[in-house]
Amino acid sequence: MPCFYHELMKANLIYYPGGCYGTFLEWCCDFFSIDGTENEFPFTSTGSSHKFDGNFLFPQPVLHKYIESDIILPLVRIHPSIFENVNSHDMLMKNSFFDVISNDFDFLNQHFSKILVCHPDTTSYIWLDNNIIDKVFLTDNQIAQHFEPWGYTREFLKPLTKDQKQRFIEILKSELDLKNIQQWKDNIYDFDIWELRELLSLYWFNRLKDSLTCWTVLKEKYPNISFISLNDLKYKFSETVIDCLEYFNVKIDPKKLSRLTELENEWRNVQYHIDKDDLVNNIVKNLISQTDFSWSPLSLIDEAYIQKSLRDQGIEIKCWNLNNFPTSTKEFLPYLEHL
């Protein structure tokens, strides 16, 4: 590694893709610590923990500046692809996630004492994607303060708008050759919801590569790193939080620890997408079997996944002008046709 990097090992690091509760885990380490400064739960109206700032070393140049410095914080957090160029997603788009993350870990292992990874898997993707769309966005002030000083442009950051429809359009615009959208409209900005949903169903889930499956092999390759899956939080919340505290040698405040059940209940109450993977798969199953089933209105990514999953089973949706997605098997069945 370049000799200008600081020789001292930094302390502890949480490494996580967006939507995987890295902020929440950092908050837990502060809240449950005898020396912690946090006294209130961190949840916003979306269920994120973004009332807590913590030590987020993002975008990537912030991480490298920190490593070069003499500062040693007790715990920091980062996102993957730490060698990505400013105004670029080329590394993740052109390489496997396994290779990108291995490259990150090889470097980070030389600079951090302990690394904890929180990641998705194939049974938590819809939960994750909804988290990203609902919770991960930038305000104009955040762009001006934290990104523009590093050379990031507002054009590049357009996909991080809070408007969900606009976000999908900006992502698709940046990743696709839009010469091939004439079957819908000439301009993607003019798309109706049904058109955007259909395009997402054809493209969105093919862009995953190994982002959901690489973690098992990475866990074997890096036995010194601790890995937590989203389902660990879902099914073993208290145990997982305590494991995180113990891994980072947090001196636990017994009074705070007595609130762990209260924390879990409040956390679950605002994780609106935690059961989405089971729900969308049940919807598809009941549509195929024509079993009576009803559900609440879904997100656009839920609807696109259902459309894609039905297509995989040889069933198309008669989606022309279907801007309002059905919410029951009975309502939905007239819109289905076998290929």
Protein backbone atom coordinates (compact mmCIF):
# COMPACT_ATOMS: atom_id res chain seq x y z
CA MET A 1 0.00 0.00 0.00
CA PRO A 2 1.19 3.60 -0.54
CA CYS A 3 3.56 4.68 2.19
CA PHE A 4 1.60 7.85 2.99
CA TYR A 5 -1.12 5.90 4.81
CA HIS A 6 -0.93 6.24 8.55
CA GLU A 7 0.81 3.31 10.21
CA LEU A 8 -1.40 3.17 13.31
CA MET A 9 -4.33 0.79 13.17
CA LYS A 10 -7.65 2.56 13.42
CA ALA A 11 -10.22 1.13 15.81
CA ASN A 12 -13.51 -0.40 14.67
CA LEU A 13 -15.45 -0.30 11.40
CA ILE A 14 -18.98 -1.16 10.28
CA TYR A 15 -19.13 -1.99 6.56
CA TYR A 16 -22.55 -2.23 4.93
CA PRO A 17 -24.47 -1.64 1.70
CA GLY A 18 -27.08 1.11 1.96
CA GLY A 19 -30.27 -0.04 3.68
CA CYS A 20 -28.51 -2.67 5.83
CA TYR A 21 -28.75 -0.93 9.22
CA GLY A 22 -25.14 0.13 9.63
CA THR A 23 -26.25 3.44 11.15
CA PHE A 24 -28.48 1.58 13.60
CA LEU A 25 -25.66 -0.73 14.70
CA GLU A 26 -23.31 2.20 15.25
CA TRP A 27 -26.03 3.91 17.30
CA CYS A 28 -26.45 0.71 19.38
CA CYS A 29 -22.75 0.72 20.23
CA ASP A 30 -23.05 4.28 21.51
CA PHE A 31 -26.43 3.93 23.22
CA PHE A 32 -25.61 0.78 25.21
CA SER A 33 -22.14 1.95 26.22
CA ILE A 34 -21.41 3.25 29.71
CA ASP A 35 -19.54 6.07 27.97
CA GLY A 36 -22.20 6.65 25.31
CA THR A 37 -23.78 10.02 24.54
CA GLU A 38 -27.05 8.80 22.98
CA ASN A 39 -30.13 8.61 25.21
CA GLU A 40 -33.03 8.65 22.72
CA PHE A 41 -33.99 6.11 20.08
CA PRO A 42 -32.79 7.23 16.63
CA PHE A 43 -35.72 6.40 14.36
CA THR A 44 -37.16 8.78 11.78
CA SER A 45 -40.64 8.54 10.26
CA THR A 46 -39.28 6.18 7.56
CA GLY A 47 -37.84 3.76 10.12
CA SER A 48 -34.24 4.76 9.43
CA SER A 49 -31.84 5.62 12.27
CA HIS A 50 -30.81 8.85 10.60
CA LYS A 51 -31.57 11.01 13.63
CA PHE A 52 -28.13 9.73 14.64
CA ASP A 53 -25.15 11.08 12.70
CA GLY A 54 -22.32 9.02 14.12
CA ASN A 55 -19.07 8.69 12.21
CA PHE A 56 -20.08 8.08 8.61
CA LEU A 57 -16.98 8.17 6.37
CA PHE A 58 -18.75 8.79 3.09
CA PRO A 59 -18.27 9.61 0.27
CA GLN A 60 -15.17 7.49 -0.31
CA PRO A 61 -12.60 10.34 -0.18
CA VAL A 62 -13.65 10.99 3.44
CA LEU A 63 -12.56 7.48 4.39
CA HIS A 64 -9.13 7.86 2.81
CA LYS A 65 -8.61 11.27 4.43
CA TYR A 66 -9.45 9.71 7.79
CA ILE A 67 -6.98 6.85 7.28
CA GLU A 68 -4.24 9.30 6.38
CA SER A 69 -4.93 11.36 9.50
CA ASP A 70 -3.80 10.93 13.11
CA ILE A 71 -7.44 10.79 14.28
CA ILE A 72 -8.65 7.51 15.79
CA LEU A 73 -12.39 7.34 16.40
CA PRO A 74 -13.80 4.45 18.45
CA LEU A 75 -16.17 3.34 15.68
CA VAL A 76 -16.83 4.43 12.08
CA ARG A 77 -19.02 3.17 9.27
CA ILE A 78 -18.68 3.05 5.47
CA HIS A 79 -20.31 1.74 2.29
CA PRO A 80 -18.68 -0.69 -0.19
CA SER A 81 -16.51 0.17 -3.20
CA ILE A 82 -14.05 2.40 -1.37
CA PHE A 83 -11.81 2.87 -4.43
CA GLU A 84 -14.58 4.15 -6.70
CA ASN A 85 -13.72 7.32 -8.57
CA VAL A 86 -15.67 10.52 -7.92
CA ASN A 87 -18.81 10.74 -10.11
CA SER A 88 -18.56 7.08 -11.09
CA HIS A 89 -20.12 3.69 -10.35
CA ASP A 90 -17.85 1.88 -12.79
CA MET A 91 -16.24 -0.47 -10.27
CA LEU A 92 -19.54 -1.97 -9.13
CA MET A 93 -21.06 -1.93 -12.60
CA LYS A 94 -18.09 -3.56 -14.36
CA ASN A 95 -16.91 -6.04 -11.72
CA SER A 96 -18.41 -8.69 -9.49
CA PHE A 97 -19.36 -7.62 -5.99
CA PHE A 98 -17.09 -10.35 -4.67
CA ASP A 99 -14.07 -8.81 -6.38
CA VAL A 100 -14.91 -5.24 -5.36
CA ILE A 101 -15.55 -6.15 -1.73
CA SER A 102 -12.49 -8.42 -1.54
CA ASN A 103 -10.42 -5.48 -2.75
CA ASP A 104 -11.98 -3.32 -0.02
CA PHE A 105 -11.38 -5.91 2.71
CA ASP A 106 -7.76 -6.52 1.71
CA PHE A 107 -7.14 -2.82 2.24
CA LEU A 108 -9.33 -2.26 5.30
CA ASN A 109 -7.82 -5.21 7.17
CA GLN A 110 -4.53 -3.33 7.17
CA HIS A 111 -6.04 -0.25 8.81
CA PHE A 112 -8.81 -1.34 11.19
CA SER A 113 -8.64 -3.57 14.26
CA LYS A 114 -12.13 -5.03 13.86
CA ILE A 115 -14.58 -5.01 10.95
CA LEU A 116 -18.26 -5.90 11.19
CA VAL A 117 -20.29 -6.39 8.00
CA CYS A 118 -24.08 -6.17 7.75
CA HIS A 119 -25.40 -7.55 4.47
CA PRO A 120 -28.48 -8.83 2.61
CA ASP A 121 -29.12 -12.25 1.10
CA THR A 122 -31.53 -13.75 -1.42
CA THR A 123 -34.41 -13.79 1.09
CA SER A 124 -34.12 -10.13 2.11
CA TYR A 125 -33.62 -8.28 -1.18
CA ILE A 126 -37.06 -6.66 -1.47
CA TRP A 127 -36.75 -5.51 2.14
CA LEU A 128 -33.33 -4.05 1.35
CA ASP A 129 -34.38 -2.35 -1.89
CA ASN A 130 -37.38 -0.72 -0.24
CA ASN A 131 -35.12 0.49 2.58
CA ILE A 132 -32.83 2.13 0.05
CA ILE A 133 -35.64 3.79 -1.86
CA ASP A 134 -37.47 4.96 1.29
CA LYS A 135 -34.59 5.93 3.53
CA VAL A 136 -31.48 6.75 1.49
CA PHE A 137 -31.66 10.18 -0.13
CA LEU A 138 -29.77 13.45 -0.10
CA THR A 139 -31.05 16.96 0.54
CA ASP A 140 -29.66 19.97 -1.32
CA ASN A 141 -27.90 21.01 1.86
CA GLN A 142 -26.25 17.61 2.29
CA ILE A 143 -25.03 17.68 -1.32
CA ALA A 144 -23.57 21.15 -0.87
CA GLN A 145 -21.88 20.36 2.44
CA HIS A 146 -20.69 16.78 2.04
CA PHE A 147 -20.37 15.99 -1.67
CA GLU A 148 -19.67 19.05 -3.79
CA PRO A 149 -16.45 19.85 -1.85
CA TRP A 150 -15.10 16.49 -3.07
CA GLY A 151 -15.99 17.22 -6.69
CA TYR A 152 -19.32 15.39 -6.92
CA THR A 153 -21.83 16.95 -9.31
CA ARG A 154 -25.54 17.38 -8.73
CA GLU A 155 -26.18 15.59 -12.04
CA PHE A 156 -24.39 12.48 -10.76
CA LEU A 157 -26.32 12.58 -7.49
CA LYS A 158 -29.76 12.95 -9.11
CA PRO A 159 -30.63 9.28 -8.40
CA LEU A 160 -30.55 10.10 -4.68
CA THR A 161 -33.59 12.37 -4.90
CA LYS A 162 -36.36 11.79 -2.36
CA ASP A 163 -39.02 11.50 -5.10
CA GLN A 164 -39.26 7.75 -5.72
CA LYS A 165 -40.53 7.82 -9.29
CA GLN A 166 -37.90 10.39 -10.22
CA ARG A 167 -35.22 8.29 -8.52
CA PHE A 168 -35.97 5.23 -10.65
CA ILE A 169 -36.04 7.34 -13.80
CA GLU A 170 -32.64 8.87 -13.02
CA ILE A 171 -31.10 5.46 -12.25
CA LEU A 172 -32.47 3.89 -15.43
CA LYS A 173 -31.36 6.91 -17.44
CA SER A 174 -27.81 6.55 -16.10
CA GLU A 175 -27.58 2.79 -16.66
CA LEU A 176 -29.55 2.02 -19.85
CA ASP A 177 -29.32 2.84 -23.51
CA LEU A 178 -32.62 4.67 -23.80
CA LYS A 179 -32.79 4.20 -27.57
CA ASN A 180 -34.76 1.04 -26.78
CA ILE A 181 -37.69 2.54 -24.85
CA GLN A 182 -39.81 3.54 -27.85
CA GLN A 183 -42.23 0.69 -27.12
CA TRP A 184 -43.39 2.91 -24.28
CA LYS A 185 -42.53 6.56 -25.01
CA ASP A 186 -39.71 8.51 -26.59
CA ASN A 187 -38.84 10.30 -23.34
CA ILE A 188 -38.44 8.36 -20.08
CA TYR A 189 -39.42 11.48 -18.13
CA ASP A 190 -42.90 11.14 -19.66
CA PHE A 191 -43.40 7.57 -18.42
CA ASP A 192 -46.58 6.72 -16.55
CA ILE A 193 -46.29 4.45 -13.50
CA TRP A 194 -47.36 1.36 -15.45
CA GLU A 195 -44.65 1.97 -18.06
CA LEU A 196 -41.98 2.53 -15.45
CA ARG A 197 -43.10 -0.58 -13.58
CA GLU A 198 -42.88 -2.71 -16.72
CA LEU A 199 -39.41 -1.43 -17.58
CA LEU A 200 -38.26 -2.08 -14.00
CA SER A 201 -39.66 -5.61 -14.15
CA LEU A 202 -37.58 -6.28 -17.26
CA TYR A 203 -34.33 -4.72 -16.07
CA TRP A 204 -34.07 -3.96 -12.36
CA PHE A 205 -33.60 -7.48 -11.00
CA ASN A 206 -31.03 -8.41 -13.63
CA ARG A 207 -28.61 -5.81 -12.29
CA LEU A 208 -28.03 -7.65 -9.01
CA LYS A 209 -25.12 -9.83 -10.18
CA ASP A 210 -23.69 -11.53 -7.06
CA SER A 211 -24.65 -8.76 -4.62
CA LEU A 212 -26.89 -11.13 -2.62
CA THR A 213 -24.79 -14.29 -2.83
CA CYS A 214 -21.18 -13.14 -2.45
CA TRP A 215 -21.33 -12.83 1.34
CA THR A 216 -21.14 -16.56 2.11
CA VAL A 217 -17.88 -16.94 0.19
CA LEU A 218 -16.52 -13.69 1.64
CA LYS A 219 -17.24 -14.98 5.14
CA GLU A 220 -15.08 -18.02 4.40
CA LYS A 221 -12.31 -15.93 2.84
CA TYR A 222 -12.14 -13.43 5.73
CA PRO A 223 -12.61 -15.37 9.00
CA ASN A 224 -11.31 -12.40 11.03
CA ILE A 225 -14.28 -10.27 9.92
CA SER A 226 -17.68 -10.59 11.61
CA PHE A 227 -20.75 -10.89 9.36
CA ILE A 228 -24.37 -10.08 10.28
CA SER A 229 -27.20 -10.68 7.82
CA LEU A 230 -30.44 -8.71 7.69
CA ASN A 231 -32.23 -11.88 8.74
CA ASP A 232 -30.06 -12.07 11.86
CA LEU A 233 -31.62 -8.77 12.89
CA LYS A 234 -35.07 -9.92 11.84
CA TYR A 235 -35.11 -13.29 13.61
CA LYS A 236 -32.49 -12.86 16.38
CA PHE A 237 -32.64 -9.15 17.15
CA SER A 238 -31.50 -9.11 20.78
CA GLU A 239 -28.84 -11.75 20.28
CA THR A 240 -27.49 -9.95 17.21
CA VAL A 241 -27.30 -6.56 18.95
CA ILE A 242 -25.48 -8.08 21.92
CA ASP A 243 -23.10 -9.96 19.60
CA CYS A 244 -22.29 -6.63 17.93
CA LEU A 245 -21.61 -4.96 21.29
CA GLU A 246 -19.41 -7.80 22.46
CA TYR A 247 -17.51 -7.96 19.17
CA PHE A 248 -16.52 -4.31 19.55
CA ASN A 249 -15.81 -4.75 23.29
CA VAL A 250 -18.42 -2.16 24.25
CA LYS A 251 -18.62 -1.61 28.02
CA ILE A 252 -22.33 -2.19 28.37
CA ASP A 253 -24.49 -0.02 30.63
CA PRO A 254 -26.87 -2.45 32.46
CA LYS A 255 -29.57 0.22 32.77
CA LYS A 256 -29.52 0.79 29.03
CA LEU A 257 -29.46 -2.96 28.30
CA SER A 258 -32.72 -3.33 30.22
CA ARG A 259 -34.34 -1.33 27.39
CA LEU A 260 -33.35 -3.84 24.72
CA THR A 261 -36.85 -5.34 24.43
CA GLU A 262 -38.36 -1.85 24.25
CA LEU A 263 -35.86 -1.00 21.50
CA GLU A 264 -36.71 -4.11 19.52
CA ASN A 265 -40.43 -3.38 19.70
CA GLU A 266 -39.98 0.21 18.52
CA TRP A 267 -37.55 -0.86 15.79
CA ARG A 268 -39.96 -3.47 14.44
CA ASN A 269 -42.90 -1.07 14.52
CA VAL A 270 -41.16 1.22 12.02
CA GLN A 271 -39.56 -1.40 9.74
CA TYR A 272 -42.38 -1.21 7.23
CA HIS A 273 -40.71 -3.46 4.67
CA ILE A 274 -39.27 -6.16 6.91
CA ASP A 275 -41.70 -8.84 5.66
CA LYS A 276 -41.90 -7.69 2.04
CA ASP A 277 -39.96 -10.65 0.58
CA ASP A 278 -42.45 -13.11 2.07
CA LEU A 279 -45.39 -10.93 1.07
CA VAL A 280 -44.53 -10.50 -2.62
CA ASN A 281 -43.73 -14.20 -2.97
CA ASN A 282 -47.05 -15.09 -1.33
CA ILE A 283 -48.87 -12.76 -3.71
CA VAL A 284 -47.27 -14.46 -6.71
CA LYS A 285 -48.02 -17.92 -5.30
CA ASN A 286 -51.67 -17.07 -4.64
CA LEU A 287 -52.12 -15.48 -8.06
CA ILE A 288 -50.77 -18.60 -9.75
CA SER A 289 -52.99 -20.88 -7.66
CA GLN A 290 -55.90 -18.40 -7.90
CA THR A 291 -56.30 -18.49 -4.12
CA ASP A 292 -58.17 -15.67 -2.42
CA PHE A 293 -55.65 -13.25 -0.93
CA SER A 294 -55.58 -9.51 -0.23
CA TRP A 295 -52.82 -7.04 0.57
CA SER A 296 -52.24 -3.37 1.26
CA PRO A 297 -50.94 -1.05 -1.49
CA LEU A 298 -47.37 -1.90 -2.45
CA SER A 299 -44.28 0.06 -3.42
CA LEU A 300 -43.27 0.33 -7.06
CA ILE A 301 -40.37 -2.08 -6.54
CA ASP A 302 -42.75 -4.64 -4.98
CA GLU A 303 -45.05 -4.36 -7.98
CA ALA A 304 -42.20 -4.66 -10.47
CA TYR A 305 -40.93 -7.77 -8.70
CA ILE A 306 -44.38 -9.36 -8.86
CA GLN A 307 -44.63 -8.58 -12.57
CA LYS A 308 -41.17 -10.05 -13.18
CA SER A 309 -41.91 -13.16 -11.08
CA LEU A 310 -45.17 -13.81 -12.91
CA ARG A 311 -43.37 -13.46 -16.25
CA ASP A 312 -40.83 -16.01 -15.05
CA GLN A 313 -43.77 -18.40 -14.61
CA GLY A 314 -45.08 -17.72 -18.12
CA ILE A 315 -47.75 -15.23 -17.02
CA GLU A 316 -47.93 -11.65 -18.28
CA ILE A 317 -49.87 -8.76 -16.79
CA LYS A 318 -52.16 -6.84 -19.12
CA CYS A 319 -50.48 -3.72 -17.85
CA TRP A 320 -51.55 -1.08 -20.38
CA ASN A 321 -52.61 1.96 -18.32
CA LEU A 322 -52.59 -0.15 -15.13
CA ASN A 323 -51.26 2.67 -12.96
CA ASN A 324 -53.17 1.48 -9.89
CA PHE A 325 -51.90 -1.99 -9.05
CA PRO A 326 -54.59 -4.43 -7.79
CA THR A 327 -54.64 -5.32 -4.09
CA SER A 328 -56.37 -8.71 -4.16
CA THR A 329 -56.29 -11.94 -6.14
CA LYS A 330 -59.91 -11.40 -7.23
CA GLU A 331 -59.13 -7.94 -8.58
CA PHE A 332 -55.86 -9.06 -10.19
CA LEU A 333 -56.85 -12.23 -12.04
CA PRO A 334 -58.63 -10.49 -14.98
CA TYR A 335 -55.33 -8.73 -15.75
CA LEU A 336 -53.35 -11.97 -16.12
CA GLU A 337 -52.69 -13.88 -19.31
CA HIS A 338 -50.51 -16.90 -20.06
CA LEU A 339 -47.74 -16.47 -22.59
